[in-house]
PDB file of N, CA and C in Angstrom:
ATOM      1  N   MET A   1      28.906-238.218  54.224  1.00  0.00           N
ATOM      2  CA  MET A   1      29.862-239.201  53.797  1.00  0.00           C
ATOM      3  C   MET A   1      30.311-238.861  52.375  1.00  0.00           C
ATOM      4  N   VAL A   2      31.597-238.983  52.129  1.00  0.00           N
ATOM      5  CA  VAL A   2      32.156-238.723  50.809  1.00  0.00           C
ATOM      6  C   VAL A   2      32.179-240.021  50.018  1.00  0.00           C
ATOM      7  N   LYS A   3      31.722-239.942  48.767  1.00  0.00           N
ATOM      8  CA  LYS A   3      31.749-241.097  47.869  1.00  0.00           C
ATOM      9  C   LYS A   3      32.537-240.733  46.622  1.00  0.00           C
ATOM     10  N   ILE A   4      33.235-241.715  46.088  1.00  0.00           N
ATOM     11  CA  ILE A   4      33.893-241.564  44.796  1.00  0.00           C
ATOM     12  C   ILE A   4      32.938-242.167  43.784  1.00  0.00           C
ATOM     13  N   ARG A   5      32.424-241.322  42.881  1.00  0.00           N
ATOM     14  CA  ARG A   5      31.394-241.769  41.953  1.00  0.00           C
ATOM     15  C   ARG A   5      31.513-241.019  40.635  1.00  0.00           C
ATOM     16  N   LEU A   6      30.599-241.306  39.712  1.00  0.00           N
ATOM     17  CA  LEU A   6      30.630-240.709  38.386  1.00  0.00           C
ATOM     18  C   LEU A   6      29.738-239.477  38.323  1.00  0.00           C
ATOM     19  N   ALA A   7      30.215-238.449  37.613  1.00  0.00           N
ATOM     20  CA  ALA A   7      29.419-237.265  37.305  1.00  0.00           C
ATOM     21  C   ALA A   7      29.355-237.165  35.785  1.00  0.00           C
ATOM     22  N   ARG A   8      28.156-237.044  35.230  1.00  0.00           N
ATOM     23  CA  ARG A   8      27.977-237.083  33.774  1.00  0.00           C
ATOM     24  C   ARG A   8      28.212-235.715  33.153  1.00  0.00           C
ATOM     25  N   PHE A   9      29.031-235.693  32.113  1.00  0.00           N
ATOM     26  CA  PHE A   9      29.278-234.501  31.312  1.00  0.00           C
ATOM     27  C   PHE A   9      29.221-234.924  29.853  1.00  0.00           C
ATOM     28  N   GLY A  10      29.632-234.085  28.948  1.00  0.00           N
ATOM     29  CA  GLY A  10      29.595-234.431  27.534  1.00  0.00           C
ATOM     30  C   GLY A  10      28.387-233.817  26.863  1.00  0.00           C
ATOM     31  N   ARG A  11      27.943-234.462  25.781  1.00  0.00           N
ATOM     32  CA  ARG A  11      26.805-233.930  25.036  1.00  0.00           C
ATOM     33  C   ARG A  11      25.744-235.010  24.870  1.00  0.00           C
ATOM     34  N   THR A  12      24.661-234.677  24.216  1.00  0.00           N
ATOM     35  CA  THR A  12      23.558-235.609  24.018  1.00  0.00           C
ATOM     36  C   THR A  12      24.032-236.835  23.248  1.00  0.00           C
ATOM     37  N   HIS A  13      23.718-237.997  23.745  1.00  0.00           N
ATOM     38  CA  HIS A  13      24.060-239.292  23.151  1.00  0.00           C
ATOM     39  C   HIS A  13      25.560-239.581  23.136  1.00  0.00           C
ATOM     40  N   HIS A  14      26.374-238.767  23.770  1.00  0.00           N
ATOM     41  CA  HIS A  14      27.807-239.046  23.901  1.00  0.00           C
ATOM     42  C   HIS A  14      28.265-238.614  25.302  1.00  0.00           C
ATOM     43  N   PRO A  15      27.934-239.411  26.303  1.00  0.00           N
ATOM     44  CA  PRO A  15      28.316-239.027  27.664  1.00  0.00           C
ATOM     45  C   PRO A  15      29.803-239.234  27.915  1.00  0.00           C
ATOM     46  N   ILE A  16      30.368-238.352  28.698  1.00  0.00           N
ATOM     47  CA  ILE A  16      31.711-238.505  29.242  1.00  0.00           C
ATOM     48  C   ILE A  16      31.554-238.318  30.742  1.00  0.00           C
ATOM     49  N   TYR A  17      32.113-239.214  31.502  1.00  0.00           N
ATOM     50  CA  TYR A  17      31.949-239.177  32.947  1.00  0.00           C
ATOM     51  C   TYR A  17      33.243-238.750  33.611  1.00  0.00           C
ATOM     52  N   ARG A  18      33.133-237.913  34.616  1.00  0.00           N
ATOM     53  CA  ARG A  18      34.258-237.596  35.489  1.00  0.00           C
ATOM     54  C   ARG A  18      34.142-238.476  36.720  1.00  0.00           C
ATOM     55  N   ILE A  19      35.258-239.018  37.141  1.00  0.00           N
ATOM     56  CA  ILE A  19      35.301-239.752  38.402  1.00  0.00           C
ATOM     57  C   ILE A  19      35.643-238.709  39.456  1.00  0.00           C
ATOM     58  N   VAL A  20      34.713-238.473  40.371  1.00  0.00           N
ATOM     59  CA  VAL A  20      34.848-237.368  41.312  1.00  0.00           C
ATOM     60  C   VAL A  20      34.623-237.837  42.745  1.00  0.00           C
ATOM     61  N   ALA A  21      35.155-237.066  43.674  1.00  0.00           N
ATOM     62  CA  ALA A  21      34.852-237.239  45.092  1.00  0.00           C
ATOM     63  C   ALA A  21      33.808-236.183  45.433  1.00  0.00           C
ATOM     64  N   MET A  22      32.659-236.645  45.941  1.00  0.00           N
ATOM     65  CA  MET A  22      31.594-235.709  46.288  1.00  0.00           C
ATOM     66  C   MET A  22      30.775-236.254  47.442  1.00  0.00           C
ATOM     67  N   ASP A  23      30.039-235.367  48.078  1.00  0.00           N
ATOM     68  CA  ASP A  23      29.163-235.770  49.164  1.00  0.00           C
ATOM     69  C   ASP A  23      28.099-236.712  48.616  1.00  0.00           C
ATOM     70  N   SER A  24      27.764-237.738  49.370  1.00  0.00           N
ATOM     71  CA  SER A  24      26.828-238.756  48.890  1.00  0.00           C
ATOM     72  C   SER A  24      25.425-238.203  48.655  1.00  0.00           C
ATOM     73  N   LYS A  25      25.093-237.072  49.265  1.00  0.00           N
ATOM     74  CA  LYS A  25      23.757-236.499  49.106  1.00  0.00           C
ATOM     75  C   LYS A  25      23.686-235.458  47.992  1.00  0.00           C
ATOM     76  N   SER A  26      24.802-235.173  47.339  1.00  0.00           N
ATOM     77  CA  SER A  26      24.814-234.214  46.235  1.00  0.00           C
ATOM     78  C   SER A  26      24.209-234.828  44.985  1.00  0.00           C
ATOM     79  N   PRO A  27      23.581-234.006  44.127  1.00  0.00           N
ATOM     80  CA  PRO A  27      23.072-234.543  42.863  1.00  0.00           C
ATOM     81  C   PRO A  27      24.219-234.961  41.942  1.00  0.00           C
ATOM     82  N   ARG A  28      23.904-235.735  40.914  1.00  0.00           N
ATOM     83  CA  ARG A  28      24.922-236.323  40.048  1.00  0.00           C
ATOM     84  C   ARG A  28      25.847-235.274  39.436  1.00  0.00           C
ATOM     85  N   GLU A  29      25.313-234.154  38.979  1.00  0.00           N
ATOM     86  CA  GLU A  29      26.141-233.095  38.409  1.00  0.00           C
ATOM     87  C   GLU A  29      26.362-231.959  39.403  1.00  0.00           C
ATOM     88  N   GLY A  30      26.221-232.239  40.682  1.00  0.00           N
ATOM     89  CA  GLY A  30      26.348-231.215  41.711  1.00  0.00           C
ATOM     90  C   GLY A  30      27.793-230.866  42.020  1.00  0.00           C
ATOM     91  N   HIS A  31      27.962-230.177  43.123  1.00  0.00           N
ATOM     92  CA  HIS A  31      29.280-229.720  43.560  1.00  0.00           C
ATOM     93  C   HIS A  31      30.147-230.913  43.941  1.00  0.00           C
ATOM     94  N   TYR A  32      31.343-230.980  43.376  1.00  0.00           N
ATOM     95  CA  TYR A  32      32.270-232.052  43.716  1.00  0.00           C
ATOM     96  C   TYR A  32      33.490-231.471  44.413  1.00  0.00           C
ATOM     97  N   LEU A  33      34.173-232.306  45.176  1.00  0.00           N
ATOM     98  CA  LEU A  33      35.323-231.878  45.953  1.00  0.00           C
ATOM     99  C   LEU A  33      36.619-231.987  45.169  1.00  0.00           C
ATOM    100  N   ASP A  34      36.722-232.999  44.298  1.00  0.00           N
ATOM    101  CA  ASP A  34      37.956-233.231  43.559  1.00  0.00           C
ATOM    102  C   ASP A  34      37.649-234.077  42.327  1.00  0.00           C
ATOM    103  N   ILE A  35      38.339-233.797  41.219  1.00  0.00           N
ATOM    104  CA  ILE A  35      38.239-234.624  40.017  1.00  0.00           C
ATOM    105  C   ILE A  35      39.364-235.648  40.077  1.00  0.00           C
ATOM    106  N   LEU A  36      39.004-236.931  39.998  1.00  0.00           N
ATOM    107  CA  LEU A  36      39.976-238.007  40.152  1.00  0.00           C
ATOM    108  C   LEU A  36      40.271-238.732  38.848  1.00  0.00           C
ATOM    109  N   GLY A  37      39.517-238.456  37.811  1.00  0.00           N
ATOM    110  CA  GLY A  37      39.748-239.098  36.526  1.00  0.00           C
ATOM    111  C   GLY A  37      38.570-238.900  35.600  1.00  0.00           C
ATOM    112  N   THR A  38      38.670-239.508  34.405  1.00  0.00           N
ATOM    113  CA  THR A  38      37.591-239.447  33.433  1.00  0.00           C
ATOM    114  C   THR A  38      37.351-240.833  32.858  1.00  0.00           C
ATOM    115  N   TYR A  39      36.141-241.024  32.328  1.00  0.00           N
ATOM    116  CA  TYR A  39      35.749-242.293  31.720  1.00  0.00           C
ATOM    117  C   TYR A  39      34.880-241.985  30.513  1.00  0.00           C
ATOM    118  N   ASP A  40      35.302-242.467  29.338  1.00  0.00           N
ATOM    119  CA  ASP A  40      34.555-242.261  28.098  1.00  0.00           C
ATOM    120  C   ASP A  40      34.115-243.617  27.565  1.00  0.00           C
ATOM    121  N   PRO A  41      32.872-244.033  27.823  1.00  0.00           N
ATOM    122  CA  PRO A  41      32.426-245.364  27.409  1.00  0.00           C
ATOM    123  C   PRO A  41      32.210-245.503  25.904  1.00  0.00           C
ATOM    124  N   LYS A  42      32.018-244.407  25.180  1.00  0.00           N
ATOM    125  CA  LYS A  42      31.744-244.474  23.744  1.00  0.00           C
ATOM    126  C   LYS A  42      33.012-244.638  22.906  1.00  0.00           C
ATOM    127  N   SER A  43      34.121-244.103  23.346  1.00  0.00           N
ATOM    128  CA  SER A  43      35.373-244.135  22.577  1.00  0.00           C
ATOM    129  C   SER A  43      36.269-245.273  23.030  1.00  0.00           C
ATOM    130  N   GLY A  44      35.761-246.472  23.010  1.00  0.00           N
ATOM    131  CA  GLY A  44      36.577-247.627  23.376  1.00  0.00           C
ATOM    132  C   GLY A  44      36.922-247.698  24.844  1.00  0.00           C
ATOM    133  N   ASN A  45      36.046-247.227  25.715  1.00  0.00           N
ATOM    134  CA  ASN A  45      36.245-247.274  27.167  1.00  0.00           C
ATOM    135  C   ASN A  45      37.556-246.622  27.600  1.00  0.00           C
ATOM    136  N   VAL A  46      37.794-245.393  27.164  1.00  0.00           N
ATOM    137  CA  VAL A  46      38.996-244.655  27.537  1.00  0.00           C
ATOM    138  C   VAL A  46      38.889-244.249  29.001  1.00  0.00           C
ATOM    139  N   ILE A  47      39.899-244.624  29.790  1.00  0.00           N
ATOM    140  CA  ILE A  47      39.893-244.349  31.224  1.00  0.00           C
ATOM    141  C   ILE A  47      41.173-243.611  31.590  1.00  0.00           C
ATOM    142  N   ASN A  48      41.049-242.456  32.238  1.00  0.00           N
ATOM    143  CA  ASN A  48      42.187-241.710  32.775  1.00  0.00           C
ATOM    144  C   ASN A  48      41.986-241.594  34.274  1.00  0.00           C
ATOM    145  N   LEU A  49      42.985-242.014  35.055  1.00  0.00           N
ATOM    146  CA  LEU A  49      42.851-242.020  36.511  1.00  0.00           C
ATOM    147  C   LEU A  49      44.015-241.307  37.175  1.00  0.00           C
ATOM    148  N   ASN A  50      43.730-240.663  38.294  1.00  0.00           N
ATOM    149  CA  ASN A  50      44.755-240.135  39.180  1.00  0.00           C
ATOM    150  C   ASN A  50      44.775-241.063  40.397  1.00  0.00           C
ATOM    151  N   LYS A  51      45.569-242.132  40.317  1.00  0.00           N
ATOM    152  CA  LYS A  51      45.549-243.178  41.340  1.00  0.00           C
ATOM    153  C   LYS A  51      45.989-242.669  42.709  1.00  0.00           C
ATOM    154  N   GLU A  52      46.938-241.725  42.728  1.00  0.00           N
ATOM    155  CA  GLU A  52      47.398-241.192  44.013  1.00  0.00           C
ATOM    156  C   GLU A  52      46.276-240.445  44.722  1.00  0.00           C
ATOM    157  N   ALA A  53      45.526-239.652  43.969  1.00  0.00           N
ATOM    158  CA  ALA A  53      44.418-238.901  44.571  1.00  0.00           C
ATOM    159  C   ALA A  53      43.311-239.842  45.037  1.00  0.00           C
ATOM    160  N   ILE A  54      43.042-240.902  44.273  1.00  0.00           N
ATOM    161  CA  ILE A  54      42.031-241.874  44.683  1.00  0.00           C
ATOM    162  C   ILE A  54      42.451-242.548  45.983  1.00  0.00           C
ATOM    163  N   ASP A  55      43.726-242.937  46.083  1.00  0.00           N
ATOM    164  CA  ASP A  55      44.231-243.545  47.321  1.00  0.00           C
ATOM    165  C   ASP A  55      44.099-242.588  48.509  1.00  0.00           C
ATOM    166  N   GLN A  56      44.400-241.304  48.292  1.00  0.00           N
ATOM    167  CA  GLN A  56      44.291-240.332  49.379  1.00  0.00           C
ATOM    168  C   GLN A  56      42.851-240.202  49.862  1.00  0.00           C
ATOM    169  N   TRP A  57      41.888-240.160  48.941  1.00  0.00           N
ATOM    170  CA  TRP A  57      40.487-240.045  49.348  1.00  0.00           C
ATOM    171  C   TRP A  57      40.016-241.293  50.066  1.00  0.00           C
ATOM    172  N   ILE A  58      40.481-242.460  49.637  1.00  0.00           N
ATOM    173  CA  ILE A  58      40.098-243.699  50.323  1.00  0.00           C
ATOM    174  C   ILE A  58      40.670-243.717  51.736  1.00  0.00           C
ATOM    175  N   LYS A  59      41.900-243.226  51.903  1.00  0.00           N
ATOM    176  CA  LYS A  59      42.500-243.155  53.237  1.00  0.00           C
ATOM    177  C   LYS A  59      41.734-242.190  54.141  1.00  0.00           C
ATOM    178  N   LYS A  60      41.118-241.167  53.540  1.00  0.00           N
ATOM    179  CA  LYS A  60      40.308-240.217  54.307  1.00  0.00           C
ATOM    180  C   LYS A  60      38.927-240.768  54.638  1.00  0.00           C
ATOM    181  N   GLY A  61      38.585-241.948  54.088  1.00  0.00           N
ATOM    182  CA  GLY A  61      37.311-242.574  54.419  1.00  0.00           C
ATOM    183  C   GLY A  61      36.271-242.554  53.318  1.00  0.00           C
ATOM    184  N   ALA A  62      36.636-242.135  52.124  1.00  0.00           N
ATOM    185  CA  ALA A  62      35.671-242.106  51.021  1.00  0.00           C
ATOM    186  C   ALA A  62      35.323-243.522  50.579  1.00  0.00           C
ATOM    187  N   GLN A  63      34.071-243.715  50.193  1.00  0.00           N
ATOM    188  CA  GLN A  63      33.589-245.011  49.720  1.00  0.00           C
ATOM    189  C   GLN A  63      33.492-244.985  48.194  1.00  0.00           C
ATOM    190  N   LEU A  64      33.799-246.115  47.556  1.00  0.00           N
ATOM    191  CA  LEU A  64      33.688-246.235  46.105  1.00  0.00           C
ATOM    192  C   LEU A  64      32.285-246.691  45.730  1.00  0.00           C
ATOM    193  N   SER A  65      31.732-246.104  44.666  1.00  0.00           N
ATOM    194  CA  SER A  65      30.458-246.608  44.154  1.00  0.00           C
ATOM    195  C   SER A  65      30.724-247.915  43.410  1.00  0.00           C
ATOM    196  N   ASP A  66      29.673-248.688  43.190  1.00  0.00           N
ATOM    197  CA  ASP A  66      29.830-249.974  42.513  1.00  0.00           C
ATOM    198  C   ASP A  66      30.379-249.802  41.100  1.00  0.00           C
ATOM    199  N   ARG A  67      29.901-248.801  40.384  1.00  0.00           N
ATOM    200  CA  ARG A  67      30.362-248.586  39.012  1.00  0.00           C
ATOM    201  C   ARG A  67      31.821-248.157  38.981  1.00  0.00           C
ATOM    202  N   VAL A  68      32.252-247.327  39.915  1.00  0.00           N
ATOM    203  CA  VAL A  68      33.649-246.909  39.966  1.00  0.00           C
ATOM    204  C   VAL A  68      34.540-248.102  40.302  1.00  0.00           C
ATOM    205  N   LYS A  69      34.079-248.992  41.190  1.00  0.00           N
ATOM    206  CA  LYS A  69      34.840-250.212  41.472  1.00  0.00           C
ATOM    207  C   LYS A  69      35.047-251.022  40.204  1.00  0.00           C
ATOM    208  N   ALA A  70      33.989-251.146  39.387  1.00  0.00           N
ATOM    209  CA  ALA A  70      34.084-251.903  38.136  1.00  0.00           C
ATOM    210  C   ALA A  70      35.038-251.227  37.152  1.00  0.00           C
ATOM    211  N   ILE A  71      35.011-249.906  37.091  1.00  0.00           N
ATOM    212  CA  ILE A  71      35.906-249.179  36.187  1.00  0.00           C
ATOM    213  C   ILE A  71      37.353-249.349  36.630  1.00  0.00           C
ATOM    214  N   LEU A  72      37.610-249.264  37.933  1.00  0.00           N
ATOM    215  CA  LEU A  72      38.971-249.453  38.433  1.00  0.00           C
ATOM    216  C   LEU A  72      39.461-250.869  38.159  1.00  0.00           C
ATOM    217  N   LYS A  73      38.579-251.835  38.298  1.00  0.00           N
ATOM    218  CA  LYS A  73      38.944-253.218  38.002  1.00  0.00           C
ATOM    219  C   LYS A  73      39.251-253.378  36.517  1.00  0.00           C
ATOM    220  N   GLN A  74      38.447-252.746  35.669  1.00  0.00           N
ATOM    221  CA  GLN A  74      38.648-252.801  34.223  1.00  0.00           C
ATOM    222  C   GLN A  74      39.981-252.157  33.834  1.00  0.00           C
ATOM    223  N   ALA A  75      40.379-251.104  34.542  1.00  0.00           N
ATOM    224  CA  ALA A  75      41.624-250.399  34.250  1.00  0.00           C
ATOM    225  C   ALA A  75      42.824-251.048  34.927  1.00  0.00           C
ATOM    226  N   ASN A  76      42.606-252.133  35.656  1.00  0.00           N
ATOM    227  CA  ASN A  76      43.664-252.816  36.407  1.00  0.00           C
ATOM    228  C   ASN A  76      44.368-251.868  37.372  1.00  0.00           C
ATOM    229  N   ALA A  77      43.598-250.994  37.984  1.00  0.00           N
ATOM    230  CA  ALA A  77      44.150-250.039  38.936  1.00  0.00           C
ATOM    231  C   ALA A  77      44.277-250.711  40.299  1.00  0.00           C
ATOM    232  N   ASN A  78      45.465-250.706  40.840  1.00  0.00           N
ATOM    233  CA  ASN A  78      45.699-251.276  42.167  1.00  0.00           C
ATOM    234  C   ASN A  78      45.459-250.197  43.209  1.00  0.00           C
ATOM    235  N   VAL A  79      44.206-250.006  43.539  1.00  0.00           N
ATOM    236  CA  VAL A  79      43.806-249.003  44.519  1.00  0.00           C
ATOM    237  C   VAL A  79      43.504-249.717  45.820  1.00  0.00           C
ATOM    238  N   ASN A  80      43.929-249.141  46.922  1.00  0.00           N
ATOM    239  CA  ASN A  80      43.785-249.770  48.232  1.00  0.00           C
ATOM    240  C   ASN A  80      42.395-249.550  48.800  1.00  0.00           C
ATOM    241  N   ALA A  81      41.396-250.177  48.209  1.00  0.00           N
ATOM    242  CA  ALA A  81      40.023-250.069  48.705  1.00  0.00           C
ATOM    243  C   ALA A  81      39.800-251.113  49.782  1.00  0.00           C
ATOM    244  N   ASN A  82      39.208-250.700  50.884  1.00  0.00           N
ATOM    245  CA  ASN A  82      38.991-251.605  52.010  1.00  0.00           C
ATOM    246  C   ASN A  82      37.693-252.380  51.906  1.00  0.00           C
ATOM    247  N   SER A  83      36.965-252.257  50.811  1.00  0.00           N
ATOM    248  CA  SER A  83      35.674-252.933  50.716  1.00  0.00           C
ATOM    249  C   SER A  83      35.696-254.104  49.789  1.00  0.00           C
TER     250      SER A  83
END
Protein backbone atom coordinates (compact mmCIF):
# COMPACT_ATOMS: atom_id res chain seq x y z
CA MET A 1 0.00 0.00 0.00
CA VAL A 2 1.26 3.48 -0.87
CA LYS A 3 1.14 6.13 1.85
CA ILE A 4 1.76 9.85 1.65
CA ARG A 5 3.94 10.58 4.67
CA LEU A 6 6.94 12.52 5.95
CA ALA A 7 10.59 11.64 5.32
CA ARG A 8 13.10 13.40 7.59
CA PHE A 9 16.03 15.30 6.08
CA GLY A 10 18.03 18.32 7.20
CA ARG A 11 20.67 18.41 9.90
CA THR A 12 20.95 17.74 13.63
CA HIS A 13 18.40 19.74 15.64
CA HIS A 14 16.99 21.32 12.45
CA PRO A 15 14.80 18.77 10.68
CA ILE A 16 13.27 19.44 7.28
CA TYR A 17 10.66 16.97 6.12
CA ARG A 18 9.77 15.97 2.59
CA ILE A 19 6.18 15.00 1.95
CA VAL A 20 6.60 11.85 -0.13
CA ALA A 21 4.65 8.96 -1.59
CA MET A 22 6.23 5.70 -0.48
CA ASP A 23 5.40 2.11 0.30
CA SER A 24 3.97 1.79 3.81
CA LYS A 25 6.59 -0.83 4.74
CA SER A 26 9.59 1.31 3.73
CA PRO A 27 11.72 2.92 6.45
CA ARG A 28 11.27 6.65 7.11
CA GLU A 29 14.28 7.69 5.00
CA GLY A 30 13.88 4.78 2.58
CA HIS A 31 13.11 4.69 -1.12
CA TYR A 32 10.26 7.00 -2.08
CA LEU A 33 8.20 7.07 -5.27
CA ASP A 34 7.61 10.81 -5.58
CA ILE A 35 8.36 14.05 -3.70
CA LEU A 36 5.10 15.94 -3.14
CA GLY A 37 6.29 18.85 -1.02
CA THR A 38 8.39 20.01 1.91
CA TYR A 39 7.69 21.03 5.50
CA ASP A 40 10.06 23.05 7.71
CA PRO A 41 8.70 23.20 11.28
CA LYS A 42 11.60 25.31 12.64
CA SER A 43 11.34 28.23 10.19
CA GLY A 44 7.80 29.34 10.96
CA ASN A 45 6.13 26.18 9.61
CA VAL A 46 7.09 26.78 5.96
CA ILE A 47 5.04 24.43 3.77
CA ASN A 48 5.52 23.87 0.02
CA LEU A 49 3.04 21.53 -1.68
CA ASN A 50 2.45 20.10 -5.13
CA LYS A 51 -1.34 19.80 -4.81
CA GLU A 52 -1.84 18.31 -8.28
CA ALA A 53 0.59 15.48 -7.56
CA ILE A 54 -1.02 14.83 -4.16
CA ASP A 55 -4.45 14.61 -5.83
CA GLN A 56 -3.09 12.18 -8.43
CA TRP A 57 -1.63 9.88 -5.76
CA ILE A 58 -4.88 9.95 -3.78
CA LYS A 59 -6.80 9.01 -6.94
CA LYS A 60 -4.40 6.07 -7.36
CA GLY A 61 -5.33 4.89 -3.86
CA ALA A 62 -2.61 6.35 -1.65
CA GLN A 63 -3.49 6.93 2.00
CA LEU A 64 -2.52 10.07 3.94
CA SER A 65 -0.72 9.74 7.27
CA ASP A 66 -2.25 11.57 10.23
CA ARG A 67 0.56 14.13 10.34
CA VAL A 68 0.30 14.87 6.61
CA LYS A 69 -3.46 15.38 7.03
CA ALA A 70 -2.73 17.93 9.77
CA ILE A 71 -0.14 19.71 7.61
CA LEU A 72 -2.54 19.90 4.66
CA LYS A 73 -5.23 21.28 6.95
CA GLN A 74 -2.76 23.84 8.33
CA ALA A 75 -1.86 24.89 4.76
CA ASN A 76 -5.56 25.16 3.82
CA ALA A 77 -4.92 22.74 0.96
CA ASN A 78 -8.13 21.57 -0.68
CA VAL A 79 -7.04 18.03 -1.42
CA ASN A 80 -9.64 15.43 -2.34
CA ALA A 81 -8.93 12.94 0.44
CA ASN A 82 -11.58 10.27 0.85
CA SER A 83 -10.86 9.67 4.53
